[in-house]
C-alpha cells in the first residue's frame, strides 16, 4: 500500500482502493484513482517501531538494496493501520512506513509486507515522486502494487543468495504466504486483483534469472513484459 501526504490532502493506494481526502471537502469518486473515496484517517494509535522490525537482518538488507539511508526510513507500529508508505514533505526524502500491530501473527510474518512497502520506496525514488510514479503506470494501482510484489520476490531471492539459506522452497512458501497480510486490491482497469495475482508477481520476481540487474531496470521490465501476462 502506498500513500502520499500533501499539506492537508492525502492520497492513499491501499489494496487497490484510493482515498483522496481534503480538510475542506470530500472528493468525488471520479477524483480518486479507483472507485472509493473517504475522509477517514488511515493510521491510528501509532508509536515507534513497536516490533523492532528495523533490527531484522532482512529489513536492513532491503533498506540498503533500495539505496535508502536508514535515517530516511521511519517504521511505526500502529494499533489501527494498513501497511502503508507515507512520503514526507518535511524533512524531504524521508519515508514513514506504518504497520499494524494488532494482528495475531509472529514478527517474522511482517518481513514480506515491510519488504513490499520498501519496494514502494524504490518505486517512488526511481520515478522522482509519487505523482510521477502514477503517471508512468497510467494511474494503475495494479501496476504499482504488482510491481512492488515483483521486486519483493527479487529482493527475497537476493537475500537468500546472500545468506546461503537452505530449504529455499519451504522459506519461499512461508514468505509468499505472508504477503496475504497486504490483502487484495481492485484495478482501475476493470479487472480484479487478489492473492493469486500477487503471488504470481512475487514468484516471477523470485525466479527471474537476471535478478541481479538494477531494481529500476527490473521494475521497467516487469511493466513492459510481465504485467500483461499476470492480469
Protein backbone atom coordinates (compact mmCIF):
# COMPACT_ATOMS: atom_id res chain seq x y z
CA UNK A 1 0.00 0.00 0.00
CA UNK A 2 1.26 3.42 -0.92
CA UNK A 3 0.27 6.79 0.47
CA UNK A 4 1.24 10.40 -0.05
CA UNK A 5 0.73 13.37 2.27
CA UNK A 6 0.49 16.79 0.68
CA UNK A 7 -0.30 19.62 3.09
CA UNK A 8 -3.89 18.94 4.15
CA UNK A 9 -4.61 16.44 1.40
CA UNK A 10 -3.85 12.74 1.45
CA UNK A 11 -3.75 10.20 -1.35
CA UNK A 12 -3.67 6.52 -0.42
CA UNK A 13 -3.35 3.47 -2.63
CA UNK A 14 -4.23 0.59 -0.34
CA UNK A 15 -5.38 -2.80 -1.55
CA UNK A 16 -6.32 -1.12 -4.82
CA UNK A 17 -8.65 1.40 -3.19
CA UNK A 18 -7.95 5.10 -3.45
CA UNK A 19 -8.71 7.60 -0.72
CA UNK A 20 -8.25 11.26 -1.62
CA UNK A 21 -9.14 13.34 1.41
CA UNK A 22 -9.23 17.07 1.78
CA UNK A 23 -9.58 19.04 5.00
CA UNK A 24 -12.34 21.18 3.50
CA UNK A 25 -14.22 18.87 1.15
CA UNK A 26 -14.76 15.21 0.45
CA UNK A 27 -13.67 14.37 -3.06
CA UNK A 28 -15.96 12.63 -5.54
CA UNK A 29 -15.23 9.10 -6.73
CA UNK A 30 -14.06 10.42 -10.10
CA UNK A 31 -11.33 12.33 -8.30
CA UNK A 32 -9.92 9.05 -6.97
CA UNK A 33 -7.70 6.63 -8.77
CA UNK A 34 -10.36 3.99 -8.14
CA UNK A 35 -13.97 3.97 -7.17
CA UNK A 36 -13.94 4.77 -3.49
CA UNK A 37 -13.48 7.99 -1.53
CA UNK A 38 -13.42 8.54 2.19
CA UNK A 39 -12.25 11.14 4.70
CA UNK A 40 -11.21 8.59 7.33
CA UNK A 41 -7.67 8.78 8.64
CA UNK A 42 -5.64 5.71 7.75
CA UNK A 43 -3.43 5.21 10.80
CA UNK A 44 -4.31 5.47 14.48
CA UNK A 45 -2.51 4.72 17.73
CA UNK A 46 0.96 4.86 16.19
CA UNK A 47 4.14 4.96 18.24
CA UNK A 48 7.68 3.95 17.34
CA UNK A 49 8.93 0.74 15.77
CA UNK A 50 6.96 -1.33 18.27
CA UNK A 51 8.10 -4.73 16.98
CA UNK A 52 11.66 -3.53 16.41
CA UNK A 53 11.48 -4.63 12.78
CA UNK A 54 14.42 -2.43 11.86
CA UNK A 55 16.67 -4.84 13.75
CA UNK A 56 15.71 -7.71 11.42
CA UNK A 57 18.66 -8.52 9.14
CA UNK A 58 16.41 -8.87 6.11
CA UNK A 59 14.82 -5.46 6.67
CA UNK A 60 18.26 -3.86 6.93
CA UNK A 61 19.30 -5.68 3.75
CA UNK A 62 16.28 -4.42 1.80
CA UNK A 63 16.77 -0.83 3.00
CA UNK A 64 20.31 -0.99 1.65
CA UNK A 65 19.16 -2.53 -1.63
CA UNK A 66 16.64 0.25 -2.30
CA UNK A 67 19.52 2.70 -1.83
CA UNK A 68 17.96 4.41 1.17
CA UNK A 69 19.86 5.54 4.22
CA UNK A 70 18.47 4.19 7.46
CA UNK A 71 17.74 7.75 8.58
CA UNK A 72 15.39 8.13 5.58
CA UNK A 73 13.12 5.29 6.69
CA UNK A 74 10.88 5.55 9.76
CA UNK A 75 8.99 2.44 10.89
CA UNK A 76 5.90 2.88 13.08
CA UNK A 77 3.67 0.30 14.70
CA UNK A 78 0.01 1.31 14.84
CA UNK A 79 -2.99 -0.12 16.67
CA UNK A 80 -5.09 0.51 13.56
CA UNK A 81 -3.43 0.95 10.20
CA UNK A 82 -2.90 -0.71 6.86
CA UNK A 83 0.62 -1.42 5.74
CA UNK A 84 1.49 1.86 4.06
CA UNK A 85 4.27 4.16 2.95
CA UNK A 86 3.92 7.88 3.56
CA UNK A 87 6.23 10.17 1.61
CA UNK A 88 7.05 13.05 3.96
CA UNK A 89 7.34 16.62 2.74
CA UNK A 90 9.39 17.66 5.77
CA UNK A 91 12.10 16.64 6.04
CA UNK A 92 12.44 15.90 2.35
CA UNK A 93 13.41 12.47 1.02
CA UNK A 94 12.10 10.65 4.07
CA UNK A 95 9.53 7.89 4.20
CA UNK A 96 7.35 6.60 7.00
CA UNK A 97 6.18 3.00 6.93
CA UNK A 98 3.20 2.24 9.15
CA UNK A 99 2.33 -1.31 10.06
CA UNK A 100 -0.47 -2.84 12.18
CA UNK A 101 0.47 -4.41 15.50
CA UNK A 102 -2.92 -5.86 16.46
CA UNK A 103 -2.57 -8.93 14.24
CA UNK A 104 -2.18 -12.38 15.75
CA UNK A 105 0.94 -13.24 13.75
CA UNK A 106 4.60 -13.67 14.55
CA UNK A 107 7.11 -10.91 13.95
CA UNK A 108 8.67 -12.86 11.06
CA UNK A 109 5.39 -12.63 9.17
CA UNK A 110 5.86 -8.88 8.90
CA UNK A 111 9.03 -9.16 6.81
CA UNK A 112 7.25 -9.76 3.48
CA UNK A 113 4.80 -6.82 3.84
CA UNK A 114 7.58 -4.50 5.05
CA UNK A 115 9.73 -5.55 2.09
CA UNK A 116 6.78 -4.78 -0.18
CA UNK A 117 6.46 -1.29 1.33
CA UNK A 118 10.18 -0.68 0.95
CA UNK A 119 9.79 -1.63 -2.72
CA UNK A 120 7.26 1.23 -2.93
CA UNK A 121 10.05 3.48 -1.65
CA UNK A 122 12.20 2.19 -4.51
CA UNK A 123 9.42 2.92 -7.00
CA UNK A 124 8.91 6.45 -5.68
CA UNK A 125 12.61 7.30 -5.62
CA UNK A 126 13.20 5.90 -9.09
CA UNK A 127 10.23 7.79 -10.61
CA UNK A 128 11.09 11.04 -8.84
CA UNK A 129 7.94 11.18 -6.70
CA UNK A 130 4.56 9.58 -6.19
CA UNK A 131 2.75 11.69 -8.78
CA UNK A 132 5.44 10.86 -11.34
CA UNK A 133 5.15 7.18 -10.44
CA UNK A 134 1.41 7.26 -11.02
CA UNK A 135 1.96 8.89 -14.40
CA UNK A 136 4.46 6.25 -15.52
CA UNK A 137 1.90 3.47 -14.89
CA UNK A 138 -1.14 5.30 -16.27
CA UNK A 139 -2.59 5.73 -12.75
CA UNK A 140 -2.88 1.96 -12.40
CA UNK A 141 -2.87 0.75 -8.82
CA UNK A 142 -2.49 -2.83 -10.05
CA UNK A 143 0.72 -1.93 -11.88
CA UNK A 144 2.14 -0.23 -8.79
CA UNK A 145 1.17 -2.99 -6.38
CA UNK A 146 2.19 -5.91 -8.59
CA UNK A 147 5.40 -4.10 -9.49
CA UNK A 148 6.23 -3.93 -5.79
CA UNK A 149 5.32 -7.62 -5.38
CA UNK A 150 7.68 -8.47 -8.26
CA UNK A 151 10.53 -6.52 -6.66
CA UNK A 152 9.74 -8.18 -3.33
CA UNK A 153 10.37 -11.56 -4.96
CA UNK A 154 13.62 -10.31 -6.46
CA UNK A 155 14.88 -8.98 -3.13
CA UNK A 156 13.89 -12.11 -1.25
CA UNK A 157 15.88 -14.20 -3.74
CA UNK A 158 18.87 -11.85 -3.38
CA UNK A 159 18.70 -12.09 0.39
CA UNK A 160 18.62 -15.90 0.37
CA UNK A 161 21.56 -15.93 -2.04
CA UNK A 162 23.49 -13.64 0.27
CA UNK A 163 22.92 -15.61 3.47
CA UNK A 164 23.09 -19.02 1.78
CA UNK A 165 19.77 -20.11 3.29
CA UNK A 166 18.86 -23.74 2.85
CA UNK A 167 15.36 -25.07 2.28
CA UNK A 168 14.50 -22.32 -0.20
CA UNK A 169 11.20 -23.86 -1.26
CA UNK A 170 9.96 -24.02 2.34
CA UNK A 171 11.16 -20.48 3.01
CA UNK A 172 9.55 -19.31 -0.24
CA UNK A 173 6.15 -20.72 0.69
CA UNK A 174 6.26 -19.13 4.13
CA UNK A 175 7.36 -15.77 2.77
CA UNK A 176 4.81 -15.56 -0.04
CA UNK A 177 2.05 -16.62 2.36
CA UNK A 178 2.90 -13.57 4.48
CA UNK A 179 2.05 -11.35 1.52
CA UNK A 180 -1.60 -12.17 2.27
CA UNK A 181 -1.36 -9.64 5.11
CA UNK A 182 -1.38 -6.93 2.44
CA UNK A 183 -4.81 -8.01 1.20
CA UNK A 184 -6.07 -7.83 -2.35
CA UNK A 185 -6.78 -4.78 -4.49
CA UNK A 186 -9.10 -3.58 -7.18
CA UNK A 187 -7.77 -2.38 -10.50
CA UNK A 188 -8.93 0.82 -12.16
CA UNK A 189 -8.87 -1.07 -15.45
CA UNK A 190 -11.90 -3.15 -14.52
CA UNK A 191 -10.03 -6.31 -13.63
CA UNK A 192 -9.78 -7.63 -10.11
CA UNK A 193 -6.51 -8.49 -8.49
CA UNK A 194 -6.11 -10.66 -5.47
CA UNK A 195 -3.84 -13.17 -3.77
CA UNK A 196 -3.31 -15.18 -6.96
CA UNK A 197 -2.06 -12.16 -8.92
CA UNK A 198 0.14 -11.06 -6.03
CA UNK A 199 1.72 -14.50 -5.69
CA UNK A 200 2.28 -14.74 -9.45
CA UNK A 201 4.10 -11.38 -9.49
CA UNK A 202 6.15 -12.32 -6.44
CA UNK A 203 7.18 -15.68 -7.88
CA UNK A 204 8.07 -14.14 -11.25
CA UNK A 205 10.46 -11.89 -9.35
CA UNK A 206 11.87 -14.69 -7.23
CA UNK A 207 12.55 -16.97 -10.20
CA UNK A 208 13.68 -14.21 -12.59
CA UNK A 209 17.07 -15.33 -13.91
CA UNK A 210 18.53 -11.84 -14.20
CA UNK A 211 17.59 -10.86 -10.66
CA UNK A 212 20.96 -9.13 -10.13
CA UNK A 213 20.08 -6.34 -12.57
CA UNK A 214 19.43 -2.89 -11.02
CA UNK A 215 16.00 -2.62 -9.43
CA UNK A 216 14.79 0.27 -11.66
CA UNK A 217 15.60 -1.82 -14.75
CA UNK A 218 13.80 -4.82 -13.32
CA UNK A 219 10.74 -2.73 -12.49
CA UNK A 220 10.63 -1.30 -16.02
CA UNK A 221 10.99 -4.79 -17.48
CA UNK A 222 8.12 -6.04 -15.33
CA UNK A 223 5.85 -3.24 -16.53
CA UNK A 224 6.73 -3.84 -20.20
CA UNK A 225 7.00 -7.60 -20.44
CA UNK A 226 5.44 -9.36 -17.44
CA UNK A 227 2.49 -7.36 -16.10
CA UNK A 228 0.26 -8.14 -19.09
CA UNK A 229 0.78 -11.86 -18.56
CA UNK A 230 -0.45 -11.67 -14.96
CA UNK A 231 -3.57 -9.51 -15.20
